[in-house]
C-alpha cells in the first residue's frame, strides 16, 4: 500500500470504510493494534525530542550565564578570521 493510499484513507472516512470492507474483523483488529503501536511510538519520539530540546536550551542558558559571570561576551569567544586576499598571488621574481 502506498503512502498516497494511506493518506487518502486517513483524510476520508468513506475511503477508510471502503478499504476496511476488504478486511475481516480479525484483520481490522490487528490493524488497529499496529496503528496504536505506531501512534505510541511517535508520541514517545516526540516526547524524547522535546526533552532533548529542553536540555539543550538549559545548557545554552547555563553557558550564557557562565560567560556573563566571567565578564566575557560572545565576541570574545569568536576569534576574527583573517580576511582572504582577493586576486592572484604575485609571481615570484625567480620564475622569469
PDB file of N, CA and C in Angstrom:
ATOM      1  N   UNK A   1       0.851  -1.170   0.000  1.00  0.00           N
ATOM      2  CA  UNK A   1       0.000   0.000   0.000  1.00  0.00           C
ATOM      3  C   UNK A   1       0.898   1.235   0.000  1.00  0.00           C
ATOM      4  N   UNK A   2       0.627   2.146  -0.870  1.00  0.00           N
ATOM      5  CA  UNK A   2       1.470   3.339  -0.995  1.00  0.00           C
ATOM      6  C   UNK A   2       1.115   4.364   0.067  1.00  0.00           C
ATOM      7  N   UNK A   3       2.025   5.308   0.272  1.00  0.00           N
ATOM      8  CA  UNK A   3       1.762   6.367   1.253  1.00  0.00           C
ATOM      9  C   UNK A   3       0.606   7.247   0.778  1.00  0.00           C
ATOM     10  N   UNK A   4       0.442   7.383  -0.533  1.00  0.00           N
ATOM     11  CA  UNK A   4      -0.696   8.154  -1.059  1.00  0.00           C
ATOM     12  C   UNK A   4      -2.014   7.506  -0.665  1.00  0.00           C
ATOM     13  N   UNK A   5      -2.071   6.194  -0.747  1.00  0.00           N
ATOM     14  CA  UNK A   5      -3.282   5.473  -0.382  1.00  0.00           C
ATOM     15  C   UNK A   5      -3.565   5.643   1.105  1.00  0.00           C
ATOM     16  N   UNK A   6      -2.519   5.537   1.926  1.00  0.00           N
ATOM     17  CA  UNK A   6      -2.697   5.713   3.365  1.00  0.00           C
ATOM     18  C   UNK A   6      -3.171   7.127   3.686  1.00  0.00           C
ATOM     19  N   UNK A   7      -2.634   8.100   3.003  1.00  0.00           N
ATOM     20  CA  UNK A   7      -3.051   9.488   3.221  1.00  0.00           C
ATOM     21  C   UNK A   7      -4.523   9.668   2.844  1.00  0.00           C
ATOM     22  N   UNK A   8      -4.939   9.068   1.733  1.00  0.00           N
ATOM     23  CA  UNK A   8      -6.347   9.159   1.319  1.00  0.00           C
ATOM     24  C   UNK A   8      -7.249   8.528   2.351  1.00  0.00           C
ATOM     25  N   UNK A   9      -6.845   7.368   2.869  1.00  0.00           N
ATOM     26  CA  UNK A   9      -7.648   6.673   3.882  1.00  0.00           C
ATOM     27  C   UNK A   9      -7.722   7.514   5.148  1.00  0.00           C
ATOM     28  N   UNK A  10      -6.609   8.140   5.526  1.00  0.00           N
ATOM     29  CA  UNK A  10      -6.580   8.941   6.754  1.00  0.00           C
ATOM     30  C   UNK A  10      -7.417  10.206   6.626  1.00  0.00           C
ATOM     31  N   UNK A  11      -7.520  10.750   5.425  1.00  0.00           N
ATOM     32  CA  UNK A  11      -8.258  12.007   5.213  1.00  0.00           C
ATOM     33  C   UNK A  11      -9.754  11.801   5.067  1.00  0.00           C
ATOM     34  N   UNK A  12     -10.183  10.642   4.598  1.00  0.00           N
ATOM     35  CA  UNK A  12     -11.574  10.481   4.222  1.00  0.00           C
ATOM     36  C   UNK A  12     -12.151   9.215   4.856  1.00  0.00           C
ATOM     37  N   UNK A  13     -13.150   9.397   5.688  1.00  0.00           N
ATOM     38  CA  UNK A  13     -13.753   8.278   6.410  1.00  0.00           C
ATOM     39  C   UNK A  13     -14.401   7.279   5.450  1.00  0.00           C
ATOM     40  N   UNK A  14     -15.012   7.753   4.376  1.00  0.00           N
ATOM     41  CA  UNK A  14     -15.655   6.846   3.419  1.00  0.00           C
ATOM     42  C   UNK A  14     -14.623   5.978   2.698  1.00  0.00           C
ATOM     43  N   UNK A  15     -13.480   6.564   2.387  1.00  0.00           N
ATOM     44  CA  UNK A  15     -12.415   5.778   1.746  1.00  0.00           C
ATOM     45  C   UNK A  15     -11.919   4.723   2.726  1.00  0.00           C
ATOM     46  N   UNK A  16     -11.784   5.100   4.014  1.00  0.00           N
ATOM     47  CA  UNK A  16     -11.349   4.145   5.034  1.00  0.00           C
ATOM     48  C   UNK A  16     -12.351   3.001   5.167  1.00  0.00           C
ATOM     49  N   UNK A  17     -13.631   3.343   5.142  1.00  0.00           N
ATOM     50  CA  UNK A  17     -14.662   2.291   5.234  1.00  0.00           C
ATOM     51  C   UNK A  17     -14.596   1.349   4.038  1.00  0.00           C
ATOM     52  N   UNK A  18     -14.407   1.894   2.857  1.00  0.00           N
ATOM     53  CA  UNK A  18     -14.313   1.067   1.655  1.00  0.00           C
ATOM     54  C   UNK A  18     -13.114   0.131   1.743  1.00  0.00           C
ATOM     55  N   UNK A  19     -11.990   0.648   2.238  1.00  0.00           N
ATOM     56  CA  UNK A  19     -10.797  -0.190   2.381  1.00  0.00           C
ATOM     57  C   UNK A  19     -11.021  -1.244   3.456  1.00  0.00           C
ATOM     58  N   UNK A  20     -11.742  -0.888   4.518  1.00  0.00           N
ATOM     59  CA  UNK A  20     -11.985  -1.822   5.619  1.00  0.00           C
ATOM     60  C   UNK A  20     -12.891  -2.974   5.198  1.00  0.00           C
ATOM     61  N   UNK A  21     -13.749  -2.749   4.227  1.00  0.00           N
ATOM     62  CA  UNK A  21     -14.651  -3.818   3.754  1.00  0.00           C
ATOM     63  C   UNK A  21     -13.880  -4.995   3.178  1.00  0.00           C
ATOM     64  N   UNK A  22     -12.664  -4.736   2.744  1.00  0.00           N
ATOM     65  CA  UNK A  22     -11.853  -5.801   2.150  1.00  0.00           C
ATOM     66  C   UNK A  22     -11.176  -6.668   3.206  1.00  0.00           C
ATOM     67  N   UNK A  23     -11.251  -6.254   4.484  1.00  0.00           N
ATOM     68  CA  UNK A  23     -10.576  -6.982   5.550  1.00  0.00           C
ATOM     69  C   UNK A  23     -11.590  -7.650   6.469  1.00  0.00           C
ATOM     70  N   UNK A  24     -11.159  -8.743   7.098  1.00  0.00           N
ATOM     71  CA  UNK A  24     -12.012  -9.407   8.086  1.00  0.00           C
ATOM     72  C   UNK A  24     -11.941  -8.626   9.400  1.00  0.00           C
ATOM     73  N   UNK A  25     -12.850  -8.949  10.308  1.00  0.00           N
ATOM     74  CA  UNK A  25     -12.862  -8.285  11.611  1.00  0.00           C
ATOM     75  C   UNK A  25     -11.544  -8.532  12.339  1.00  0.00           C
ATOM     76  N   UNK A  26     -11.039  -9.741  12.249  1.00  0.00           N
ATOM     77  CA  UNK A  26      -9.759 -10.077  12.889  1.00  0.00           C
ATOM     78  C   UNK A  26      -8.623  -9.232  12.303  1.00  0.00           C
ATOM     79  N   UNK A  27      -8.617  -9.083  10.989  1.00  0.00           N
ATOM     80  CA  UNK A  27      -7.580  -8.267  10.350  1.00  0.00           C
ATOM     81  C   UNK A  27      -7.694  -6.801  10.757  1.00  0.00           C
ATOM     82  N   UNK A  28      -8.935  -6.316  10.891  1.00  0.00           N
ATOM     83  CA  UNK A  28      -9.136  -4.930  11.314  1.00  0.00           C
ATOM     84  C   UNK A  28      -8.633  -4.699  12.738  1.00  0.00           C
ATOM     85  N   UNK A  29      -8.891  -5.678  13.624  1.00  0.00           N
ATOM     86  CA  UNK A  29      -8.383  -5.556  14.992  1.00  0.00           C
ATOM     87  C   UNK A  29      -6.856  -5.559  15.008  1.00  0.00           C
ATOM     88  N   UNK A  30      -6.263  -6.411  14.208  1.00  0.00           N
ATOM     89  CA  UNK A  30      -4.801  -6.459  14.124  1.00  0.00           C
ATOM     90  C   UNK A  30      -4.267  -5.127  13.595  1.00  0.00           C
ATOM     91  N   UNK A  31      -4.923  -4.576  12.574  1.00  0.00           N
ATOM     92  CA  UNK A  31      -4.520  -3.283  12.012  1.00  0.00           C
ATOM     93  C   UNK A  31      -4.620  -2.181  13.072  1.00  0.00           C
ATOM     94  N   UNK A  32      -5.697  -2.221  13.853  1.00  0.00           N
ATOM     95  CA  UNK A  32      -5.869  -1.221  14.906  1.00  0.00           C
ATOM     96  C   UNK A  32      -4.756  -1.334  15.943  1.00  0.00           C
ATOM     97  N   UNK A  33      -4.357  -2.554  16.296  1.00  0.00           N
ATOM     98  CA  UNK A  33      -3.263  -2.754  17.250  1.00  0.00           C
ATOM     99  C   UNK A  33      -1.954  -2.181  16.705  1.00  0.00           C
ATOM    100  N   UNK A  34      -1.700  -2.456  15.444  1.00  0.00           N
ATOM    101  CA  UNK A  34      -0.469  -1.962  14.825  1.00  0.00           C
ATOM    102  C   UNK A  34      -0.467  -0.433  14.789  1.00  0.00           C
ATOM    103  N   UNK A  35      -1.598   0.132  14.416  1.00  0.00           N
ATOM    104  CA  UNK A  35      -1.694   1.597  14.356  1.00  0.00           C
ATOM    105  C   UNK A  35      -1.512   2.195  15.751  1.00  0.00           C
ATOM    106  N   UNK A  36      -2.098   1.562  16.772  1.00  0.00           N
ATOM    107  CA  UNK A  36      -1.927   2.040  18.145  1.00  0.00           C
ATOM    108  C   UNK A  36      -0.447   2.011  18.555  1.00  0.00           C
ATOM    109  N   UNK A  37       0.250   0.952  18.173  1.00  0.00           N
ATOM    110  CA  UNK A  37       1.681   0.857  18.484  1.00  0.00           C
ATOM    111  C   UNK A  37       2.468   1.961  17.784  1.00  0.00           C
ATOM    112  N   UNK A  38       2.138   2.224  16.530  1.00  0.00           N
ATOM    113  CA  UNK A  38       2.824   3.269  15.769  1.00  0.00           C
ATOM    114  C   UNK A  38       2.564   4.639  16.395  1.00  0.00           C
ATOM    115  N   UNK A  39       1.324   4.887  16.798  1.00  0.00           N
ATOM    116  CA  UNK A  39       0.978   6.163  17.441  1.00  0.00           C
ATOM    117  C   UNK A  39       1.751   6.318  18.745  1.00  0.00           C
ATOM    118  N   UNK A  40       1.807   5.263  19.547  1.00  0.00           N
ATOM    119  CA  UNK A  40       2.535   5.325  20.816  1.00  0.00           C
ATOM    120  C   UNK A  40       4.017   5.590  20.577  1.00  0.00           C
ATOM    121  N   UNK A  41       4.577   4.943  19.569  1.00  0.00           N
ATOM    122  CA  UNK A  41       5.992   5.146  19.243  1.00  0.00           C
ATOM    123  C   UNK A  41       6.246   6.591  18.818  1.00  0.00           C
ATOM    124  N   UNK A  42       5.370   7.134  17.984  1.00  0.00           N
ATOM    125  CA  UNK A  42       5.525   8.526  17.535  1.00  0.00           C
ATOM    126  C   UNK A  42       5.415   9.493  18.709  1.00  0.00           C
ATOM    127  N   UNK A  43       4.497   9.223  19.633  1.00  0.00           N
ATOM    128  CA  UNK A  43       4.357  10.068  20.815  1.00  0.00           C
ATOM    129  C   UNK A  43       5.633  10.020  21.650  1.00  0.00           C
ATOM    130  N   UNK A  44       6.183   8.818  21.833  1.00  0.00           N
ATOM    131  CA  UNK A  44       7.423   8.672  22.599  1.00  0.00           C
ATOM    132  C   UNK A  44       8.567   9.434  21.940  1.00  0.00           C
ATOM    133  N   UNK A  45       8.656   9.336  20.618  1.00  0.00           N
ATOM    134  CA  UNK A  45       9.710  10.050  19.891  1.00  0.00           C
ATOM    135  C   UNK A  45       9.552  11.557  20.053  1.00  0.00           C
ATOM    136  N   UNK A  46       8.319  12.046  20.019  1.00  0.00           N
ATOM    137  CA  UNK A  46       8.067  13.476  20.174  1.00  0.00           C
ATOM    138  C   UNK A  46       8.444  13.951  21.579  1.00  0.00           C
ATOM    139  N   UNK A  47       8.082  13.149  22.595  1.00  0.00           N
ATOM    140  CA  UNK A  47       8.435  13.496  23.971  1.00  0.00           C
ATOM    141  C   UNK A  47       9.957  13.534  24.121  1.00  0.00           C
ATOM    142  N   UNK A  48      10.625  12.546  23.557  1.00  0.00           N
ATOM    143  CA  UNK A  48      12.092  12.499  23.638  1.00  0.00           C
ATOM    144  C   UNK A  48      12.712  13.707  22.933  1.00  0.00           C
ATOM    145  N   UNK A  49      12.187  14.070  21.780  1.00  0.00           N
ATOM    146  CA  UNK A  49      12.710  15.218  21.041  1.00  0.00           C
ATOM    147  C   UNK A  49      12.524  16.492  21.848  1.00  0.00           C
ATOM    148  N   UNK A  50      11.351  16.658  22.469  1.00  0.00           N
ATOM    149  CA  UNK A  50      11.088  17.833  23.287  1.00  0.00           C
ATOM    150  C   UNK A  50      12.017  17.887  24.495  1.00  0.00           C
ATOM    151  N   UNK A  51      12.271  16.725  25.114  1.00  0.00           N
ATOM    152  CA  UNK A  51      13.178  16.676  26.258  1.00  0.00           C
ATOM    153  C   UNK A  51      14.595  17.063  25.842  1.00  0.00           C
ATOM    154  N   UNK A  52      15.023  16.592  24.675  1.00  0.00           N
ATOM    155  CA  UNK A  52      16.357  16.939  24.179  1.00  0.00           C
ATOM    156  C   UNK A  52      16.459  18.436  23.903  1.00  0.00           C
ATOM    157  N   UNK A  53      15.408  19.016  23.332  1.00  0.00           N
ATOM    158  CA  UNK A  53      15.410  20.455  23.061  1.00  0.00           C
ATOM    159  C   UNK A  53      15.455  21.260  24.359  1.00  0.00           C
ATOM    160  N   UNK A  54      14.696  20.813  25.366  1.00  0.00           N
ATOM    161  CA  UNK A  54      14.698  21.499  26.655  1.00  0.00           C
ATOM    162  C   UNK A  54      16.068  21.410  27.320  1.00  0.00           C
ATOM    163  N   UNK A  55      16.705  20.238  27.256  1.00  0.00           N
ATOM    164  CA  UNK A  55      18.034  20.071  27.836  1.00  0.00           C
ATOM    165  C   UNK A  55      19.041  20.966  27.124  1.00  0.00           C
ATOM    166  N   UNK A  56      18.939  21.046  25.822  1.00  0.00           N
ATOM    167  CA  UNK A  56      19.837  21.903  25.047  1.00  0.00           C
ATOM    168  C   UNK A  56      19.644  23.369  25.426  1.00  0.00           C
ATOM    169  N   UNK A  57      18.394  23.787  25.591  1.00  0.00           N
ATOM    170  CA  UNK A  57      18.105  25.172  25.970  1.00  0.00           C
ATOM    171  C   UNK A  57      18.656  25.470  27.364  1.00  0.00           C
ATOM    172  N   UNK A  58      18.525  24.506  28.306  1.00  0.00           N
ATOM    173  CA  UNK A  58      19.067  24.697  29.653  1.00  0.00           C
ATOM    174  C   UNK A  58      20.587  24.842  29.610  1.00  0.00           C
ATOM    175  N   UNK A  59      21.251  23.978  28.833  1.00  0.00           N
ATOM    176  CA  UNK A  59      22.709  24.048  28.717  1.00  0.00           C
ATOM    177  C   UNK A  59      23.137  25.382  28.120  1.00  0.00           C
ATOM    178  N   UNK A  60      22.422  25.824  27.115  1.00  0.00           N
ATOM    179  CA  UNK A  60      22.751  27.098  26.478  1.00  0.00           C
ATOM    180  C   UNK A  60      22.594  28.243  27.473  1.00  0.00           C
ATOM    181  N   UNK A  61      21.540  28.213  28.271  1.00  0.00           N
ATOM    182  CA  UNK A  61      21.331  29.254  29.278  1.00  0.00           C
ATOM    183  C   UNK A  61      22.448  29.221  30.319  1.00  0.00           C
ATOM    184  N   UNK A  62      22.870  28.029  30.720  1.00  0.00           N
ATOM    185  CA  UNK A  62      23.967  27.903  31.684  1.00  0.00           C
ATOM    186  C   UNK A  62      25.258  28.478  31.123  1.00  0.00           C
ATOM    187  N   UNK A  63      25.542  28.159  29.881  1.00  0.00           N
ATOM    188  CA  UNK A  63      26.767  28.656  29.250  1.00  0.00           C
ATOM    189  C   UNK A  63      26.728  30.171  29.138  1.00  0.00           C
ATOM    190  N   UNK A  64      25.593  30.725  28.741  1.00  0.00           N
ATOM    191  CA  UNK A  64      25.482  32.184  28.654  1.00  0.00           C
ATOM    192  C   UNK A  64      25.685  32.834  30.018  1.00  0.00           C
ATOM    193  N   UNK A  65      25.131  32.210  31.056  1.00  0.00           N
ATOM    194  CA  UNK A  65      25.295  32.744  32.403  1.00  0.00           C
ATOM    195  C   UNK A  65      26.768  32.692  32.826  1.00  0.00           C
ATOM    196  N   UNK A  66      27.448  31.602  32.508  1.00  0.00           N
ATOM    197  CA  UNK A  66      28.867  31.489  32.843  1.00  0.00           C
ATOM    198  C   UNK A  66      29.701  32.521  32.093  1.00  0.00           C
ATOM    199  N   UNK A  67      29.349  32.776  30.856  1.00  0.00           N
ATOM    200  CA  UNK A  67      30.058  33.788  30.064  1.00  0.00           C
ATOM    201  C   UNK A  67      29.879  35.159  30.707  1.00  0.00           C
ATOM    202  N   UNK A  68      28.639  35.473  31.095  1.00  0.00           N
ATOM    203  CA  UNK A  68      28.365  36.766  31.734  1.00  0.00           C
ATOM    204  C   UNK A  68      29.092  36.883  33.070  1.00  0.00           C
ATOM    205  N   UNK A  69      29.095  35.805  33.861  1.00  0.00           N
ATOM    206  CA  UNK A  69      29.767  35.828  35.155  1.00  0.00           C
ATOM    207  C   UNK A  69      31.268  36.025  34.998  1.00  0.00           C
ATOM    208  N   UNK A  70      31.831  35.523  33.911  1.00  0.00           N
ATOM    209  CA  UNK A  70      33.265  35.663  33.666  1.00  0.00           C
ATOM    210  C   UNK A  70      33.606  37.029  33.081  1.00  0.00           C
ATOM    211  N   UNK A  71      32.587  37.826  32.803  1.00  0.00           N
ATOM    212  CA  UNK A  71      32.821  39.152  32.242  1.00  0.00           C
ATOM    213  C   UNK A  71      33.190  39.115  30.772  1.00  0.00           C
ATOM    214  N   UNK A  72      32.776  38.079  30.095  1.00  0.00           N
ATOM    215  CA  UNK A  72      33.081  37.937  28.666  1.00  0.00           C
ATOM    216  C   UNK A  72      31.830  38.201  27.846  1.00  0.00           C
ATOM    217  N   UNK A  73      32.052  38.398  26.560  1.00  0.00           N
ATOM    218  CA  UNK A  73      30.934  38.477  25.627  1.00  0.00           C
ATOM    219  C   UNK A  73      31.147  37.405  24.567  1.00  0.00           C
ATOM    220  N   UNK A  74      30.139  37.192  23.758  1.00  0.00           N
ATOM    221  CA  UNK A  74      30.283  36.184  22.707  1.00  0.00           C
ATOM    222  C   UNK A  74      31.361  36.582  21.707  1.00  0.00           C
ATOM    223  N   UNK A  75      31.555  37.901  21.523  1.00  0.00           N
ATOM    224  CA  UNK A  75      32.598  38.367  20.612  1.00  0.00           C
ATOM    225  C   UNK A  75      33.983  37.974  21.107  1.00  0.00           C
ATOM    226  N   UNK A  76      34.162  37.898  22.436  1.00  0.00           N
ATOM    227  CA  UNK A  76      35.444  37.486  22.995  1.00  0.00           C
ATOM    228  C   UNK A  76      35.748  36.025  22.663  1.00  0.00           C
ATOM    229  N   UNK A  77      34.717  35.238  22.501  1.00  0.00           N
ATOM    230  CA  UNK A  77      34.910  33.814  22.244  1.00  0.00           C
ATOM    231  C   UNK A  77      35.154  33.506  20.774  1.00  0.00           C
ATOM    232  N   UNK A  78      34.691  34.376  19.908  1.00  0.00           N
ATOM    233  CA  UNK A  78      34.821  34.139  18.476  1.00  0.00           C
ATOM    234  C   UNK A  78      36.009  34.949  17.972  1.00  0.00           C
ATOM    235  N   UNK A  79      37.059  34.221  17.606  1.00  0.00           N
ATOM    236  CA  UNK A  79      38.212  34.955  17.081  1.00  0.00           C
ATOM    237  C   UNK A  79      37.916  35.370  15.648  1.00  0.00           C
ATOM    238  N   UNK A  80      38.373  36.550  15.309  1.00  0.00           N
ATOM    239  CA  UNK A  80      38.104  37.063  13.966  1.00  0.00           C
ATOM    240  C   UNK A  80      38.969  36.305  12.970  1.00  0.00           C
ATOM    241  N   UNK A  81      38.345  35.802  11.960  1.00  0.00           N
ATOM    242  CA  UNK A  81      39.062  35.058  10.934  1.00  0.00           C
ATOM    243  C   UNK A  81      39.836  36.034  10.060  1.00  0.00           C
ATOM    244  N   UNK A  82      41.051  35.682   9.667  1.00  0.00           N
ATOM    245  CA  UNK A  82      41.787  36.574   8.764  1.00  0.00           C
ATOM    246  C   UNK A  82      41.061  36.684   7.432  1.00  0.00           C
ATOM    247  N   UNK A  83      41.047  37.876   6.896  1.00  0.00           N
ATOM    248  CA  UNK A  83      40.358  38.089   5.626  1.00  0.00           C
ATOM    249  C   UNK A  83      41.220  37.534   4.504  1.00  0.00           C
ATOM    250  N   UNK A  84      40.556  36.912   3.570  1.00  0.00           N
ATOM    251  CA  UNK A  84      41.266  36.322   2.443  1.00  0.00           C
ATOM    252  C   UNK A  84      41.601  37.409   1.446  1.00  0.00           C
ATOM    253  N   UNK A  85      42.775  37.292   0.902  1.00  0.00           N
ATOM    254  CA  UNK A  85      43.186  38.250  -0.123  1.00  0.00           C
ATOM    255  C   UNK A  85      42.511  37.868  -1.430  1.00  0.00           C
ATOM    256  N   UNK A  86      42.098  38.853  -2.149  1.00  0.00           N
ATOM    257  CA  UNK A  86      41.451  38.597  -3.427  1.00  0.00           C
ATOM    258  C   UNK A  86      42.490  38.690  -4.529  1.00  0.00           C
ATOM    259  N   UNK A  87      42.178  38.036  -5.601  1.00  0.00           N
ATOM    260  CA  UNK A  87      43.052  38.107  -6.765  1.00  0.00           C
ATOM    261  C   UNK A  87      44.113  37.021  -6.749  1.00  0.00           C
ATOM    262  N   UNK A  88      44.965  37.090  -7.720  1.00  0.00           N
ATOM    263  CA  UNK A  88      46.015  36.087  -7.874  1.00  0.00           C
ATOM    264  C   UNK A  88      47.237  36.508  -7.073  1.00  0.00           C
ATOM    265  N   UNK A  89      47.951  35.535  -6.555  1.00  0.00           N
ATOM    266  CA  UNK A  89      49.180  35.891  -5.844  1.00  0.00           C
ATOM    267  C   UNK A  89      50.204  36.431  -6.845  1.00  0.00           C
ATOM    268  N   UNK A  90      51.102  37.291  -6.374  1.00  0.00           N
ATOM    269  CA  UNK A  90      52.107  37.832  -7.292  1.00  0.00           C
ATOM    270  C   UNK A  90      53.069  36.760  -7.751  1.00  0.00           C
ATOM    271  N   UNK A  91      53.563  36.888  -8.971  1.00  0.00           N
ATOM    272  CA  UNK A  91      54.556  35.938  -9.473  1.00  0.00           C
ATOM    273  C   UNK A  91      55.870  36.196  -8.768  1.00  0.00           C
ATOM    274  N   UNK A  92      56.556  35.115  -8.476  1.00  0.00           N
ATOM    275  CA  UNK A  92      57.855  35.297  -7.813  1.00  0.00           C
ATOM    276  C   UNK A  92      58.881  35.759  -8.839  1.00  0.00           C
ATOM    277  N   UNK A  93      59.914  36.457  -8.367  1.00  0.00           N
ATOM    278  CA  UNK A  93      60.934  37.036  -9.233  1.00  0.00           C
ATOM    279  C   UNK A  93      61.783  35.951  -9.920  1.00  0.00           C
ATOM    280  N   UNK A  94      61.928  34.780  -9.290  1.00  0.00           N
ATOM    281  CA  UNK A  94      62.844  33.778  -9.811  1.00  0.00           C
ATOM    282  C   UNK A  94      62.301  32.994 -11.013  1.00  0.00           C
ATOM    283  N   UNK A  95      61.047  33.159 -11.345  1.00  0.00           N
ATOM    284  CA  UNK A  95      60.466  32.386 -12.434  1.00  0.00           C
ATOM    285  C   UNK A  95      60.757  33.000 -13.797  1.00  0.00           C
ATOM    286  N   UNK A  96      61.202  34.186 -13.863  1.00  0.00           N
ATOM    287  CA  UNK A  96      61.324  34.948 -15.073  1.00  0.00           C
ATOM    288  C   UNK A  96      62.209  34.434 -16.086  1.00  0.00           C
TER     289      UNK A  96
END
